[in-house]
Amino acid sequence: MTRLRAGRRPVLPTLETPQSREVASADPRSHAPLGSSSPAGRELLSQSVDLYGTAYGNFAAQALQQVRLETYGEDFGQSSWVTGAEYRRFCRLLQLRATDHVLDVGCGSGGPALFLAREVGCRVTGVDINEAGIRTGLALAREASAQDRVEFRHADVRQPLPFPDQAFDAIVCLDVMCHLPDRGRLFAEWRRVLRPGGRALYTDPVVVTGLVSREEFATRSSTGYFEFAPPGVNERLLREAGFELVLSDDVTDNEVEVSRRWHAARQRRAAELARLEGEETFAGLQRFLATVHRLTRERRMCRSLYLARRPEE
C-alpha cells in the first residue's frame, strides 16, 4: 500500500483579478475576529451558493462551455477538480476492462460517465440526487447514442443503493464524498454491490491538513452539505467496511490548478455570467473558488485519492 505523500507547496500565482482582490479584501484573516454577535460574521456564515444547480441547469450555455474548456483543457462535462489526464490515470488504477460494469456515485451531469464509457468501452451506471444533473446526463447519452452502455438514475445515496448484491465490477466517486453523510454506511453499501475482487476509487477534496478558520470553513462549504475529514479517517472507515486499502495518494495539485483556472475563466466572462446566474450567485462562486485555491495552495486542505478492493471470498 502506498501511503499519503507529504504535500508539496508549489509556487502558484494568486488570483489577481478585480473579483479576487475583492475576495482577498474580504478574507476573514485580514479582519478582526468575527464573533457570533458580529453581523458580518453572521452574514458570511449564512451564505450558500448553488454551484451544482447552476452548472447543471445552464450546462449548454456557451459561456459555461467556454469556462469548462479553459478550466480543464478537455471539456467532458465535469464540474469537479478532475481533468481528462487524471481520469485516465484513475481508469488504469481501477484496471478497467470493456466487459466491466462501473457504478458512478455522484455522477453529476453525466459527462464523466460518458467519458469513462468512451475511454474503456465499459458499461456505466450513474446515480445522483440532483435531478437537473440526471436530466442532462440522459440528454447527453441520447446525443451520443450511448444508451446501451450508459444509464443514469436519480437516487439518494443516504438510502440503500437500488442495486442487487455484486452488481458492479468497479465503483468511482469523483470529489463527491465530502457531500455524502454516513460515510461508513455508504462504504458498506459499496462493498455489497461490488463483486469479490472489485475495486472502488474515490477522491476527497477537503481533507483538513492545517489551520482553517471558521469563516473559511463556511465559505468552503457554501455550495452544499459538507463533511470535513482529518487524515486517516477515510482509511479507517474503508477498513471497517471490509475493504482492503490498495492506495492512498495526494492529488491536491489538480485542485490547486483547476480552482485557479476556473476562477480566472469565469472572471473573464463576469458580465455574461452575472446575467446568467445572478450577481449574488456569481460573486458567491468566485469567492468559493478563491477560497478553495488559497486553502489548497497553502496545503491547509488537501485532496486525497483512495483506491480500495473488496477481498475475494
Protein backbone atom coordinates (compact mmCIF):
# COMPACT_ATOMS: atom_id res chain seq x y z
CA MET A 1 0.00 0.00 0.00
CA THR A 2 1.28 3.47 -0.85
CA ARG A 3 0.99 5.98 1.98
CA LEU A 4 -0.24 9.51 1.52
CA ARG A 5 2.70 11.61 0.44
CA ALA A 6 3.53 14.79 2.26
CA GLY A 7 2.08 17.70 0.31
CA ARG A 8 4.45 19.90 -1.62
CA ARG A 9 3.98 23.66 -1.67
CA PRO A 10 4.21 24.71 -5.32
CA VAL A 11 4.55 28.41 -6.02
CA LEU A 12 1.48 29.41 -7.99
CA PRO A 13 0.15 32.84 -8.87
CA THR A 14 -2.58 34.23 -6.69
CA LEU A 15 -5.93 35.11 -8.18
CA GLU A 16 -5.16 38.67 -9.15
CA THR A 17 -8.39 39.85 -10.75
CA PRO A 18 -10.74 42.62 -9.66
CA GLN A 19 -13.05 39.98 -8.17
CA SER A 20 -10.22 38.17 -6.42
CA ARG A 21 -8.94 41.42 -4.95
CA GLU A 22 -12.44 41.96 -3.58
CA VAL A 23 -12.34 38.41 -2.18
CA ALA A 24 -8.90 38.97 -0.72
CA SER A 25 -10.07 42.15 0.99
CA ALA A 26 -12.89 40.11 2.50
CA ASP A 27 -10.51 37.37 3.66
CA PRO A 28 -11.50 36.74 7.30
CA ARG A 29 -7.84 36.53 8.26
CA SER A 30 -7.37 40.20 7.29
CA HIS A 31 -10.03 41.38 9.74
CA ALA A 32 -10.60 41.30 13.44
CA PRO A 33 -12.19 38.05 14.64
CA LEU A 34 -15.84 37.76 13.75
CA GLY A 35 -17.75 36.61 16.80
CA SER A 36 -21.26 35.22 16.91
CA SER A 37 -22.58 38.72 17.62
CA SER A 38 -20.94 40.20 14.51
CA PRO A 39 -23.41 40.98 11.69
CA ALA A 40 -20.60 40.45 9.16
CA GLY A 41 -19.83 37.07 10.66
CA ARG A 42 -23.48 36.00 10.65
CA GLU A 43 -23.85 37.13 7.03
CA LEU A 44 -20.74 35.24 5.91
CA LEU A 45 -21.70 32.03 7.68
CA SER A 46 -25.26 32.09 6.33
CA GLN A 47 -24.23 32.39 2.67
CA SER A 48 -24.98 29.47 0.38
CA VAL A 49 -24.24 29.18 -3.32
CA ASP A 50 -25.93 26.82 -5.78
CA LEU A 51 -22.86 25.57 -7.65
CA TYR A 52 -24.37 22.35 -8.97
CA GLY A 53 -27.83 23.63 -9.83
CA THR A 54 -26.19 26.48 -11.71
CA ALA A 55 -23.73 24.21 -13.52
CA TYR A 56 -26.31 21.56 -14.48
CA GLY A 57 -29.24 23.87 -15.17
CA ASN A 58 -27.15 26.04 -17.52
CA PHE A 59 -24.99 23.20 -18.82
CA ALA A 60 -25.43 24.01 -22.52
CA ALA A 61 -24.86 27.77 -22.17
CA GLN A 62 -21.99 28.82 -24.40
CA ALA A 63 -20.30 30.83 -21.66
CA LEU A 64 -20.18 27.80 -19.34
CA GLN A 65 -18.93 25.57 -22.16
CA GLN A 66 -16.08 28.01 -22.71
CA VAL A 67 -15.39 28.15 -18.97
CA ARG A 68 -15.16 24.35 -18.79
CA LEU A 69 -12.81 24.19 -21.76
CA GLU A 70 -10.49 26.83 -20.31
CA THR A 71 -10.68 25.28 -16.85
CA TYR A 72 -9.99 21.67 -17.74
CA GLY A 73 -8.36 21.82 -21.18
CA GLU A 74 -10.62 18.91 -22.13
CA ASP A 75 -14.32 19.50 -21.54
CA PHE A 76 -16.30 16.33 -20.98
CA GLY A 77 -18.95 17.95 -18.81
CA GLN A 78 -17.22 17.76 -15.46
CA SER A 79 -17.90 20.12 -12.54
CA SER A 80 -15.23 18.85 -10.17
CA TRP A 81 -11.44 19.02 -9.85
CA VAL A 82 -10.87 16.17 -12.33
CA THR A 83 -9.09 16.63 -15.65
CA GLY A 84 -9.00 14.19 -18.55
CA ALA A 85 -5.39 13.18 -17.87
CA GLU A 86 -6.19 12.48 -14.22
CA TYR A 87 -9.31 10.44 -15.03
CA ARG A 88 -7.33 8.28 -17.47
CA ARG A 89 -4.92 7.56 -14.64
CA PHE A 90 -7.87 6.59 -12.42
CA CYS A 91 -9.05 4.16 -15.13
CA ARG A 92 -5.64 2.49 -15.11
CA LEU A 93 -5.68 2.22 -11.32
CA LEU A 94 -9.11 0.58 -11.45
CA GLN A 95 -7.79 -1.89 -14.06
CA LEU A 96 -10.98 -1.49 -16.05
CA ARG A 97 -11.91 -3.71 -18.98
CA ALA A 98 -14.51 -3.33 -21.71
CA THR A 99 -16.58 -6.11 -20.12
CA ASP A 100 -16.84 -4.31 -16.76
CA HIS A 101 -19.90 -2.59 -15.30
CA VAL A 102 -18.98 0.55 -13.34
CA LEU A 103 -21.10 2.47 -10.83
CA ASP A 104 -20.50 6.24 -10.84
CA VAL A 105 -21.65 7.61 -7.47
CA GLY A 106 -22.48 11.31 -7.69
CA CYS A 107 -22.39 11.31 -11.48
CA GLY A 108 -23.48 14.94 -11.80
CA SER A 109 -24.35 15.91 -15.36
CA GLY A 110 -23.14 12.56 -16.69
CA GLY A 111 -20.16 13.79 -18.67
CA PRO A 112 -17.54 11.80 -16.71
CA ALA A 113 -19.63 8.61 -17.02
CA LEU A 114 -19.80 9.04 -20.80
CA PHE A 115 -16.07 9.82 -20.85
CA LEU A 116 -15.39 6.58 -18.98
CA ALA A 117 -17.54 4.54 -21.36
CA ARG A 118 -15.76 6.05 -24.38
CA GLU A 119 -12.28 5.55 -22.96
CA VAL A 120 -12.72 1.96 -21.77
CA GLY A 121 -15.75 0.69 -23.68
CA CYS A 122 -17.36 -0.49 -20.43
CA ARG A 123 -20.92 -0.11 -19.16
CA VAL A 124 -21.52 2.71 -16.68
CA THR A 125 -24.46 3.40 -14.41
CA GLY A 126 -24.54 6.86 -12.84
CA VAL A 127 -26.53 7.86 -9.78
CA ASP A 128 -27.07 11.36 -8.39
CA ILE A 129 -29.56 13.14 -6.17
CA ASN A 130 -29.60 16.24 -8.42
CA GLU A 131 -32.47 15.82 -10.88
CA ALA A 132 -31.16 18.53 -13.23
CA GLY A 133 -27.89 16.64 -13.47
CA ILE A 134 -29.66 13.36 -14.26
CA ARG A 135 -31.77 15.05 -16.96
CA THR A 136 -28.63 16.48 -18.53
CA GLY A 137 -26.91 13.10 -18.39
CA LEU A 138 -29.82 11.36 -20.11
CA ALA A 139 -29.83 14.03 -22.84
CA LEU A 140 -26.06 13.66 -23.36
CA ALA A 141 -26.36 9.87 -23.57
CA ARG A 142 -29.06 10.21 -26.24
CA GLU A 143 -26.98 12.70 -28.21
CA ALA A 144 -24.01 10.31 -28.10
CA SER A 145 -26.20 7.27 -28.93
CA ALA A 146 -24.74 5.65 -25.82
CA GLN A 147 -27.93 4.48 -24.08
CA ASP A 148 -26.84 0.86 -24.48
CA ARG A 149 -23.69 1.47 -22.43
CA VAL A 150 -24.54 4.38 -20.11
CA GLU A 151 -27.61 4.89 -17.94
CA PHE A 152 -28.46 7.40 -15.25
CA ARG A 153 -30.73 7.03 -12.25
CA HIS A 154 -31.99 9.55 -9.74
CA ALA A 155 -31.10 8.14 -6.32
CA ASP A 156 -30.43 9.32 -2.78
CA VAL A 157 -27.31 7.52 -1.54
CA ARG A 158 -28.43 8.17 2.04
CA GLN A 159 -30.75 5.25 1.34
CA PRO A 160 -29.66 1.70 0.37
CA LEU A 161 -28.36 1.67 -3.20
CA PRO A 162 -31.08 0.47 -5.62
CA PHE A 163 -28.98 -2.41 -6.97
CA PRO A 164 -28.63 -6.12 -6.18
CA ASP A 165 -25.61 -7.65 -4.46
CA GLN A 166 -22.41 -7.94 -6.54
CA ALA A 167 -23.88 -5.95 -9.45
CA PHE A 168 -20.72 -3.99 -10.32
CA ASP A 169 -17.09 -4.63 -11.14
CA ALA A 170 -15.91 -1.19 -10.01
CA ILE A 171 -17.12 1.99 -8.31
CA VAL A 172 -15.91 5.53 -8.93
CA CYS A 173 -16.81 8.65 -6.95
CA LEU A 174 -15.11 11.88 -8.02
CA ASP A 175 -14.90 14.74 -5.49
CA VAL A 176 -18.36 13.90 -4.13
CA MET A 177 -17.56 12.00 -0.93
CA CYS A 178 -17.42 15.21 1.14
CA HIS A 179 -21.13 15.80 0.34
CA LEU A 180 -22.33 12.35 1.47
CA PRO A 181 -23.39 11.72 5.08
CA ASP A 182 -22.77 8.49 7.00
CA ARG A 183 -19.66 7.54 5.03
CA GLY A 184 -19.12 4.25 6.84
CA ARG A 185 -22.64 3.03 5.97
CA LEU A 186 -22.10 4.06 2.34
CA PHE A 187 -18.85 2.09 2.17
CA ALA A 188 -20.71 -0.96 3.44
CA GLU A 189 -23.22 -0.49 0.60
CA TRP A 190 -20.34 -0.21 -1.88
CA ARG A 191 -18.95 -3.50 -0.62
CA ARG A 192 -22.36 -5.11 -1.01
CA VAL A 193 -22.86 -4.08 -4.64
CA LEU A 194 -19.25 -4.85 -5.67
CA ARG A 195 -18.29 -8.30 -6.84
CA PRO A 196 -15.48 -10.00 -4.87
CA GLY A 197 -12.18 -8.59 -6.11
CA GLY A 198 -13.90 -5.42 -7.37
CA ARG A 199 -12.27 -2.04 -6.84
CA ALA A 200 -13.59 1.31 -5.61
CA LEU A 201 -11.84 4.63 -6.25
CA TYR A 202 -12.82 8.00 -4.85
CA THR A 203 -11.35 11.41 -4.15
CA ASP A 204 -11.95 13.51 -1.04
CA PRO A 205 -11.13 17.18 -1.80
CA VAL A 206 -11.49 18.55 1.76
CA VAL A 207 -9.08 16.59 3.94
CA VAL A 208 -8.09 19.04 6.68
CA THR A 209 -4.31 19.25 6.92
CA GLY A 210 -3.75 22.66 8.50
CA LEU A 211 -5.33 25.50 10.39
CA VAL A 212 -8.63 26.64 8.86
CA SER A 213 -10.72 29.48 10.21
CA ARG A 214 -14.42 29.27 10.95
CA GLU A 215 -15.15 31.70 8.11
CA GLU A 216 -13.01 29.71 5.66
CA PHE A 217 -14.90 26.54 6.58
CA ALA A 218 -18.16 28.42 5.94
CA THR A 219 -17.07 29.66 2.52
CA ARG A 220 -15.59 26.29 1.52
CA SER A 221 -18.88 24.59 2.41
CA SER A 222 -21.15 27.27 0.94
CA THR A 223 -22.10 25.08 -2.06
CA GLY A 224 -23.99 22.44 -0.07
CA TYR A 225 -23.73 19.81 2.63
CA PHE A 226 -20.11 19.05 3.60
CA GLU A 227 -18.20 16.73 5.90
CA PHE A 228 -14.55 17.58 6.51
CA ALA A 229 -12.24 14.71 7.46
CA PRO A 230 -8.80 14.75 9.10
CA PRO A 231 -6.08 12.47 7.68
CA GLY A 232 -6.60 8.80 8.49
CA VAL A 233 -10.39 8.77 8.83
CA ASN A 234 -11.11 7.64 5.25
CA GLU A 235 -8.59 4.81 5.55
CA ARG A 236 -10.09 3.63 8.84
CA LEU A 237 -13.67 3.69 7.59
CA LEU A 238 -12.77 1.72 4.47
CA ARG A 239 -11.12 -0.98 6.54
CA GLU A 240 -14.05 -1.10 8.97
CA ALA A 241 -16.39 -1.66 5.99
CA GLY A 242 -14.34 -4.68 4.94
CA PHE A 243 -12.20 -3.19 2.18
CA GLU A 244 -8.50 -3.67 1.56
CA LEU A 245 -6.82 -0.29 1.06
CA VAL A 246 -4.71 -0.55 -2.09
CA LEU A 247 -3.55 3.05 -2.46
CA SER A 248 -3.87 6.46 -0.84
CA ASP A 249 -2.32 9.39 -2.65
CA ASP A 250 -2.08 13.17 -2.52
CA VAL A 251 -3.79 14.63 -5.60
CA THR A 252 -4.09 18.20 -4.34
CA ASP A 253 -2.19 19.73 -7.27
CA ASN A 254 -5.18 19.24 -9.57
CA GLU A 255 -7.47 21.10 -7.17
CA VAL A 256 -4.97 23.95 -6.86
CA GLU A 257 -4.68 24.39 -10.61
CA VAL A 258 -8.31 23.74 -11.56
CA SER A 259 -9.62 26.20 -8.95
CA ARG A 260 -7.23 28.87 -10.29
CA ARG A 261 -8.23 28.30 -13.91
CA TRP A 262 -11.94 28.04 -13.08
CA HIS A 263 -11.93 31.34 -11.21
CA ALA A 264 -9.98 33.09 -13.99
CA ALA A 265 -12.16 31.70 -16.80
CA ARG A 266 -15.31 32.82 -15.02
CA GLN A 267 -13.86 36.25 -14.27
CA ARG A 268 -13.13 36.82 -17.97
CA ARG A 269 -16.88 36.41 -18.55
CA ALA A 270 -18.04 38.19 -15.43
CA ALA A 271 -20.76 40.32 -17.02
CA GLU A 272 -22.26 37.46 -19.03
CA LEU A 273 -22.20 35.01 -16.12
CA ALA A 274 -23.66 37.56 -13.72
CA ARG A 275 -26.62 37.94 -16.08
CA LEU A 276 -26.97 34.17 -16.42
CA GLU A 277 -26.54 33.22 -12.75
CA GLY A 278 -27.46 36.42 -10.96
CA GLU A 279 -24.90 38.77 -9.46
CA GLU A 280 -25.10 37.25 -5.98
CA THR A 281 -24.53 33.69 -7.22
CA PHE A 282 -21.68 34.80 -9.49
CA ALA A 283 -19.94 36.63 -6.64
CA GLY A 284 -20.51 33.71 -4.27
CA LEU A 285 -19.00 31.20 -6.68
CA GLN A 286 -15.98 33.42 -7.27
CA ARG A 287 -15.49 33.74 -3.52
CA PHE A 288 -15.82 29.96 -3.17
CA LEU A 289 -13.23 29.25 -5.88
CA ALA A 290 -10.79 31.81 -4.48
CA THR A 291 -11.07 30.17 -1.05
CA VAL A 292 -10.56 26.68 -2.49
CA HIS A 293 -7.45 27.88 -4.29
CA ARG A 294 -5.98 29.56 -1.23
CA LEU A 295 -6.61 26.64 1.13
CA THR A 296 -5.19 24.04 -1.26
CA ARG A 297 -2.25 26.14 -2.44
CA GLU A 298 -1.26 26.62 1.20
CA ARG A 299 -1.93 22.91 1.87
CA ARG A 300 -4.31 23.67 4.72
CA MET A 301 -6.84 21.48 2.93
CA CYS A 302 -5.76 18.66 0.66
CA ARG A 303 -7.38 16.41 -1.92
CA SER A 304 -6.74 12.71 -1.41
CA LEU A 305 -7.27 9.68 -3.63
CA TYR A 306 -8.33 6.35 -2.16
CA LEU A 307 -8.31 3.05 -4.02
CA ALA A 308 -9.82 0.06 -2.21
CA ARG A 309 -10.59 -3.55 -3.07
CA ARG A 310 -13.30 -5.93 -1.94
CA PRO A 311 -11.45 -9.08 -0.88
CA GLU A 312 -12.03 -12.34 -2.73
CA GLU A 313 -14.29 -14.69 -0.82
